[in-house]
N, C-alpha and C. Protein backbone atom coordinates (compact mmCIF):
# COMPACT_ATOMS: atom_id res chain seq x y z
N UNK A 1 -18.26 101.86 -30.17
CA UNK A 1 -16.90 101.79 -29.68
C UNK A 1 -16.82 100.67 -28.63
N UNK A 2 -15.94 99.72 -28.86
CA UNK A 2 -15.81 98.62 -27.92
C UNK A 2 -14.81 98.94 -26.84
N UNK A 3 -14.99 98.29 -25.71
CA UNK A 3 -14.07 98.45 -24.59
C UNK A 3 -12.87 97.54 -24.81
N UNK A 4 -11.69 98.04 -24.48
CA UNK A 4 -10.47 97.25 -24.62
C UNK A 4 -10.43 96.19 -23.53
N UNK A 5 -9.91 95.02 -23.89
CA UNK A 5 -9.81 93.88 -22.97
C UNK A 5 -8.38 93.74 -22.47
N UNK A 6 -8.23 93.75 -21.16
CA UNK A 6 -6.91 93.62 -20.53
C UNK A 6 -6.86 92.31 -19.76
N UNK A 7 -5.83 91.51 -20.01
CA UNK A 7 -5.57 90.30 -19.24
C UNK A 7 -4.52 90.65 -18.20
N UNK A 8 -4.90 90.53 -16.93
CA UNK A 8 -3.99 90.82 -15.82
C UNK A 8 -3.52 89.49 -15.23
N UNK A 9 -2.20 89.31 -15.19
CA UNK A 9 -1.62 88.09 -14.63
C UNK A 9 -0.80 88.52 -13.41
N UNK A 10 -1.38 88.30 -12.24
CA UNK A 10 -0.77 88.75 -10.98
C UNK A 10 -1.12 87.76 -9.89
N UNK A 11 -0.09 87.22 -9.22
CA UNK A 11 -0.34 86.20 -8.20
C UNK A 11 -0.66 86.78 -6.82
N UNK A 12 -0.47 88.06 -6.62
CA UNK A 12 -0.83 88.69 -5.35
C UNK A 12 -2.25 89.23 -5.47
N UNK A 13 -3.18 88.60 -4.75
CA UNK A 13 -4.61 88.88 -4.89
C UNK A 13 -4.95 90.35 -4.66
N UNK A 14 -4.39 90.96 -3.64
CA UNK A 14 -4.71 92.37 -3.37
C UNK A 14 -4.30 93.27 -4.52
N UNK A 15 -3.12 93.03 -5.07
CA UNK A 15 -2.65 93.83 -6.20
C UNK A 15 -3.52 93.57 -7.41
N UNK A 16 -3.81 92.31 -7.67
CA UNK A 16 -4.66 91.95 -8.81
C UNK A 16 -6.02 92.63 -8.72
N UNK A 17 -6.64 92.57 -7.54
CA UNK A 17 -7.96 93.20 -7.36
C UNK A 17 -7.89 94.72 -7.55
N UNK A 18 -6.84 95.33 -7.03
CA UNK A 18 -6.68 96.78 -7.18
C UNK A 18 -6.54 97.16 -8.65
N UNK A 19 -5.67 96.46 -9.35
CA UNK A 19 -5.46 96.75 -10.77
C UNK A 19 -6.76 96.58 -11.55
N UNK A 20 -7.44 95.47 -11.32
CA UNK A 20 -8.68 95.19 -12.03
C UNK A 20 -9.72 96.28 -11.76
N UNK A 21 -9.85 96.67 -10.50
CA UNK A 21 -10.84 97.70 -10.14
C UNK A 21 -10.54 99.03 -10.81
N UNK A 22 -9.28 99.45 -10.76
CA UNK A 22 -8.89 100.74 -11.34
C UNK A 22 -9.09 100.71 -12.86
N UNK A 23 -8.68 99.63 -13.50
CA UNK A 23 -8.85 99.54 -14.95
C UNK A 23 -10.33 99.50 -15.34
N UNK A 24 -11.14 98.78 -14.60
CA UNK A 24 -12.58 98.73 -14.87
C UNK A 24 -13.20 100.12 -14.71
N UNK A 25 -12.78 100.83 -13.68
CA UNK A 25 -13.30 102.18 -13.46
C UNK A 25 -12.95 103.11 -14.61
N UNK A 26 -11.85 102.83 -15.31
CA UNK A 26 -11.43 103.66 -16.45
C UNK A 26 -12.00 103.15 -17.77
N UNK A 27 -12.89 102.14 -17.72
CA UNK A 27 -13.59 101.73 -18.92
C UNK A 27 -13.03 100.51 -19.62
N UNK A 28 -12.11 99.80 -19.01
CA UNK A 28 -11.57 98.59 -19.61
C UNK A 28 -12.35 97.37 -19.13
N UNK A 29 -12.39 96.34 -19.96
CA UNK A 29 -12.86 95.02 -19.53
C UNK A 29 -11.62 94.28 -19.07
N UNK A 30 -11.68 93.69 -17.90
CA UNK A 30 -10.50 93.06 -17.29
C UNK A 30 -10.81 91.61 -16.94
N UNK A 31 -9.87 90.75 -17.30
CA UNK A 31 -9.91 89.36 -16.84
C UNK A 31 -8.61 89.14 -16.07
N UNK A 32 -8.71 88.83 -14.79
CA UNK A 32 -7.53 88.64 -13.96
C UNK A 32 -7.34 87.16 -13.65
N UNK A 33 -6.09 86.71 -13.75
CA UNK A 33 -5.72 85.34 -13.41
C UNK A 33 -4.52 85.39 -12.48
N UNK A 34 -4.30 84.27 -11.75
CA UNK A 34 -3.27 84.25 -10.72
C UNK A 34 -1.94 83.67 -11.16
N UNK A 35 -1.91 83.00 -12.32
CA UNK A 35 -0.64 82.41 -12.75
C UNK A 35 -0.57 82.27 -14.26
N UNK A 36 0.61 81.94 -14.74
CA UNK A 36 0.84 81.86 -16.18
C UNK A 36 0.04 80.73 -16.83
N UNK A 37 -0.08 79.62 -16.14
CA UNK A 37 -0.82 78.49 -16.72
C UNK A 37 -2.27 78.87 -16.99
N UNK A 38 -2.87 79.59 -16.04
CA UNK A 38 -4.26 80.03 -16.20
C UNK A 38 -4.36 81.06 -17.34
N UNK A 39 -3.37 81.92 -17.46
CA UNK A 39 -3.35 82.90 -18.54
C UNK A 39 -3.28 82.21 -19.90
N UNK A 40 -2.42 81.19 -20.00
CA UNK A 40 -2.30 80.47 -21.27
C UNK A 40 -3.60 79.76 -21.63
N UNK A 41 -4.25 79.14 -20.65
CA UNK A 41 -5.55 78.50 -20.91
C UNK A 41 -6.57 79.51 -21.40
N UNK A 42 -6.59 80.67 -20.79
CA UNK A 42 -7.53 81.72 -21.18
C UNK A 42 -7.27 82.16 -22.62
N UNK A 43 -6.02 82.39 -22.96
CA UNK A 43 -5.68 82.81 -24.31
C UNK A 43 -5.93 81.71 -25.34
N UNK A 44 -5.59 80.48 -24.98
CA UNK A 44 -5.80 79.36 -25.90
C UNK A 44 -7.28 79.11 -26.15
N UNK A 45 -8.13 79.57 -25.24
CA UNK A 45 -9.58 79.44 -25.42
C UNK A 45 -10.13 80.43 -26.42
N UNK A 46 -9.27 81.27 -26.98
CA UNK A 46 -9.69 82.21 -28.01
C UNK A 46 -10.26 83.52 -27.49
N UNK A 47 -10.06 83.80 -26.22
CA UNK A 47 -10.59 85.02 -25.63
C UNK A 47 -9.96 86.26 -26.26
N UNK A 48 -10.76 87.29 -26.37
CA UNK A 48 -10.29 88.56 -26.91
C UNK A 48 -9.46 89.27 -25.85
N UNK A 49 -8.22 89.58 -26.19
CA UNK A 49 -7.32 90.30 -25.29
C UNK A 49 -6.58 91.34 -26.12
N UNK A 50 -6.59 92.59 -25.64
CA UNK A 50 -5.91 93.67 -26.35
C UNK A 50 -4.55 94.01 -25.76
N UNK A 51 -4.37 93.76 -24.45
CA UNK A 51 -3.08 93.97 -23.78
C UNK A 51 -2.98 92.92 -22.67
N UNK A 52 -1.79 92.35 -22.51
CA UNK A 52 -1.54 91.48 -21.37
C UNK A 52 -0.61 92.22 -20.41
N UNK A 53 -1.03 92.29 -19.15
CA UNK A 53 -0.25 92.92 -18.09
C UNK A 53 0.17 91.80 -17.14
N UNK A 54 1.48 91.54 -17.04
CA UNK A 54 1.93 90.42 -16.22
C UNK A 54 3.06 90.80 -15.28
N UNK A 55 2.95 90.31 -14.07
CA UNK A 55 4.05 90.38 -13.12
C UNK A 55 5.13 89.42 -13.64
N UNK A 56 6.38 89.73 -13.42
CA UNK A 56 7.46 88.82 -13.83
C UNK A 56 7.60 87.69 -12.83
N UNK A 57 7.53 88.03 -11.55
CA UNK A 57 7.77 87.06 -10.49
C UNK A 57 6.46 86.38 -10.09
N UNK A 58 6.01 85.44 -10.91
CA UNK A 58 4.78 84.70 -10.66
C UNK A 58 5.10 83.38 -9.97
N UNK A 59 4.19 82.92 -9.14
CA UNK A 59 4.34 81.59 -8.58
C UNK A 59 4.08 80.56 -9.67
N UNK A 60 4.64 79.39 -9.53
CA UNK A 60 4.44 78.35 -10.53
C UNK A 60 5.67 78.13 -11.38
N UNK A 61 5.55 77.23 -12.31
CA UNK A 61 6.68 76.83 -13.14
C UNK A 61 7.03 77.84 -14.22
N UNK A 62 6.09 78.71 -14.58
CA UNK A 62 6.32 79.66 -15.66
C UNK A 62 6.26 81.07 -15.08
N UNK A 63 7.34 81.84 -15.25
CA UNK A 63 7.32 83.23 -14.77
C UNK A 63 6.75 84.13 -15.87
N UNK A 64 6.61 85.40 -15.55
CA UNK A 64 6.02 86.34 -16.50
C UNK A 64 6.82 86.51 -17.77
N UNK A 65 8.14 86.41 -17.68
CA UNK A 65 8.99 86.53 -18.87
C UNK A 65 8.78 85.34 -19.81
N UNK A 66 8.74 84.14 -19.25
CA UNK A 66 8.48 82.94 -20.07
C UNK A 66 7.07 82.98 -20.63
N UNK A 67 6.12 83.46 -19.83
CA UNK A 67 4.74 83.59 -20.30
C UNK A 67 4.69 84.50 -21.52
N UNK A 68 5.36 85.63 -21.45
CA UNK A 68 5.35 86.57 -22.57
C UNK A 68 5.91 85.93 -23.84
N UNK A 69 6.97 85.14 -23.70
CA UNK A 69 7.53 84.46 -24.87
C UNK A 69 6.53 83.49 -25.47
N UNK A 70 5.84 82.74 -24.64
CA UNK A 70 4.85 81.77 -25.13
C UNK A 70 3.66 82.49 -25.77
N UNK A 71 3.23 83.57 -25.16
CA UNK A 71 2.11 84.33 -25.71
C UNK A 71 2.50 84.96 -27.04
N UNK A 72 3.72 85.45 -27.12
CA UNK A 72 4.18 86.07 -28.37
C UNK A 72 4.12 85.09 -29.53
N UNK A 73 4.37 83.79 -29.27
CA UNK A 73 4.28 82.78 -30.33
C UNK A 73 2.85 82.65 -30.83
N UNK A 74 1.87 82.74 -29.93
CA UNK A 74 0.46 82.60 -30.29
C UNK A 74 -0.12 83.89 -30.86
N UNK A 75 0.28 85.00 -30.28
CA UNK A 75 -0.30 86.30 -30.65
C UNK A 75 0.82 87.31 -30.84
N UNK A 76 1.42 87.32 -32.02
CA UNK A 76 2.62 88.14 -32.26
C UNK A 76 2.42 89.64 -32.11
N UNK A 77 1.21 90.13 -32.26
CA UNK A 77 0.99 91.58 -32.19
C UNK A 77 0.46 92.06 -30.85
N UNK A 78 0.23 91.16 -29.90
CA UNK A 78 -0.37 91.54 -28.62
C UNK A 78 0.62 92.37 -27.79
N UNK A 79 0.25 93.60 -27.42
CA UNK A 79 1.12 94.37 -26.53
C UNK A 79 1.20 93.70 -25.16
N UNK A 80 2.40 93.68 -24.60
CA UNK A 80 2.63 93.05 -23.30
C UNK A 80 3.29 94.07 -22.39
N UNK A 81 2.75 94.18 -21.17
CA UNK A 81 3.33 95.05 -20.15
C UNK A 81 3.81 94.16 -19.02
N UNK A 82 5.12 94.22 -18.76
CA UNK A 82 5.72 93.49 -17.64
C UNK A 82 5.75 94.43 -16.44
N UNK A 83 5.66 93.86 -15.24
CA UNK A 83 5.89 94.67 -14.05
C UNK A 83 6.66 93.83 -13.03
N UNK A 84 7.41 94.53 -12.19
CA UNK A 84 8.15 93.84 -11.14
C UNK A 84 8.66 94.85 -10.13
N UNK A 85 8.71 94.41 -8.88
CA UNK A 85 9.35 95.20 -7.85
C UNK A 85 10.74 94.69 -7.56
N UNK A 86 11.00 93.45 -7.97
CA UNK A 86 12.29 92.81 -7.70
C UNK A 86 13.25 92.96 -8.88
N UNK A 87 12.75 92.81 -10.07
CA UNK A 87 13.60 92.82 -11.26
C UNK A 87 13.58 94.18 -11.93
N UNK A 88 14.65 94.46 -12.65
CA UNK A 88 14.72 95.68 -13.45
C UNK A 88 14.54 95.29 -14.91
N UNK A 89 14.33 96.27 -15.79
CA UNK A 89 14.17 95.93 -17.21
C UNK A 89 15.38 95.16 -17.76
N UNK A 90 16.57 95.43 -17.23
CA UNK A 90 17.76 94.74 -17.72
C UNK A 90 17.78 93.27 -17.31
N UNK A 91 16.95 92.90 -16.33
CA UNK A 91 16.88 91.49 -15.91
C UNK A 91 16.16 90.63 -16.94
N UNK A 92 15.42 91.27 -17.82
CA UNK A 92 14.76 90.54 -18.89
C UNK A 92 15.79 90.31 -19.99
N UNK A 93 16.25 89.09 -20.11
CA UNK A 93 17.30 88.78 -21.09
C UNK A 93 16.85 89.18 -22.49
N UNK A 94 15.65 88.81 -22.84
CA UNK A 94 15.12 89.12 -24.16
C UNK A 94 13.66 89.55 -24.03
N UNK A 95 13.40 90.81 -23.69
CA UNK A 95 11.99 91.21 -23.65
C UNK A 95 11.38 91.03 -25.04
N UNK A 96 10.14 90.62 -25.07
CA UNK A 96 9.51 90.39 -26.36
C UNK A 96 9.25 91.73 -27.04
N UNK A 97 9.20 91.74 -28.37
CA UNK A 97 8.88 92.97 -29.09
C UNK A 97 7.52 93.52 -28.65
N UNK A 98 7.36 94.83 -28.76
CA UNK A 98 6.13 95.53 -28.39
C UNK A 98 5.80 95.34 -26.92
N UNK A 99 6.82 95.35 -26.08
CA UNK A 99 6.59 95.22 -24.65
C UNK A 99 7.05 96.47 -23.93
N UNK A 100 6.50 96.64 -22.72
CA UNK A 100 6.81 97.79 -21.88
C UNK A 100 7.08 97.24 -20.48
N UNK A 101 8.00 97.86 -19.76
CA UNK A 101 8.30 97.45 -18.39
C UNK A 101 7.84 98.55 -17.43
N UNK A 102 7.13 98.15 -16.37
CA UNK A 102 6.67 99.08 -15.33
C UNK A 102 7.21 98.58 -14.00
N UNK A 103 7.88 99.46 -13.26
CA UNK A 103 8.45 99.08 -11.97
C UNK A 103 7.41 99.25 -10.87
N UNK A 104 7.32 98.22 -10.00
CA UNK A 104 6.48 98.31 -8.80
C UNK A 104 7.25 99.07 -7.74
N UNK A 105 6.63 99.84 -6.91
CA UNK A 105 5.21 100.16 -6.95
C UNK A 105 4.95 101.20 -8.05
N UNK A 106 3.84 101.08 -8.69
CA UNK A 106 3.47 102.01 -9.76
C UNK A 106 2.18 102.71 -9.35
N UNK A 107 1.96 103.83 -9.99
CA UNK A 107 0.75 104.60 -9.76
C UNK A 107 -0.35 104.01 -10.64
N UNK A 108 -1.46 103.56 -10.08
CA UNK A 108 -2.53 102.97 -10.90
C UNK A 108 -3.04 103.91 -11.99
N UNK A 109 -3.05 105.21 -11.73
CA UNK A 109 -3.49 106.17 -12.75
C UNK A 109 -2.52 106.15 -13.92
N UNK A 110 -1.22 106.09 -13.64
CA UNK A 110 -0.22 106.00 -14.71
C UNK A 110 -0.39 104.72 -15.51
N UNK A 111 -0.73 103.62 -14.83
CA UNK A 111 -0.97 102.36 -15.51
C UNK A 111 -2.16 102.48 -16.45
N UNK A 112 -3.22 103.14 -16.00
CA UNK A 112 -4.39 103.34 -16.86
C UNK A 112 -4.03 104.18 -18.08
N UNK A 113 -3.24 105.21 -17.89
CA UNK A 113 -2.81 106.05 -19.01
C UNK A 113 -2.01 105.23 -20.02
N UNK A 114 -1.13 104.36 -19.53
CA UNK A 114 -0.36 103.48 -20.41
C UNK A 114 -1.30 102.57 -21.20
N UNK A 115 -2.27 101.96 -20.52
CA UNK A 115 -3.21 101.06 -21.20
C UNK A 115 -4.03 101.82 -22.24
N UNK A 116 -4.42 103.04 -21.93
CA UNK A 116 -5.15 103.84 -22.90
C UNK A 116 -4.30 104.12 -24.13
N UNK A 117 -3.03 104.38 -23.92
CA UNK A 117 -2.11 104.63 -25.04
C UNK A 117 -1.95 103.38 -25.90
N UNK A 118 -1.80 102.23 -25.24
CA UNK A 118 -1.59 100.98 -25.96
C UNK A 118 -2.83 100.52 -26.72
N UNK A 119 -4.01 100.95 -26.28
CA UNK A 119 -5.25 100.51 -26.92
C UNK A 119 -5.92 101.63 -27.72
N UNK A 120 -5.25 102.75 -27.89
CA UNK A 120 -5.85 103.92 -28.57
C UNK A 120 -6.34 103.59 -29.97
N UNK A 121 -5.68 102.69 -30.66
CA UNK A 121 -6.08 102.38 -32.04
C UNK A 121 -7.40 101.63 -32.11
N UNK A 122 -7.91 101.14 -30.99
CA UNK A 122 -9.17 100.39 -30.98
C UNK A 122 -10.37 101.32 -31.03
N UNK A 123 -10.19 102.58 -30.71
CA UNK A 123 -11.32 103.51 -30.59
C UNK A 123 -11.66 104.16 -31.89
């Protein structure tokens, strides 16, 4: 049984580290990046990713919503989880198919449960 791979895209280092630690403790392999450009490079490198978890309000030229659209073009079946403390789900003009929205602050245990649900078919 392989471990599910989660790509975490979060520009706030403390939040990124917390998410990565909690997910790793629950048995996931996690690769965390600080911005959309780094996430795209990681994905374009052919890395195995089972779920992408991205903040919407990222620093840089590409926000999490635009990142999800670009990723969807490359990987149409990849589940995407958006999160935000500023935006609501209705702020996403066109959420990509197979996406989920999580409002900050969220419970890390609930996030792990969501990731387990999204990756259940891998086991």
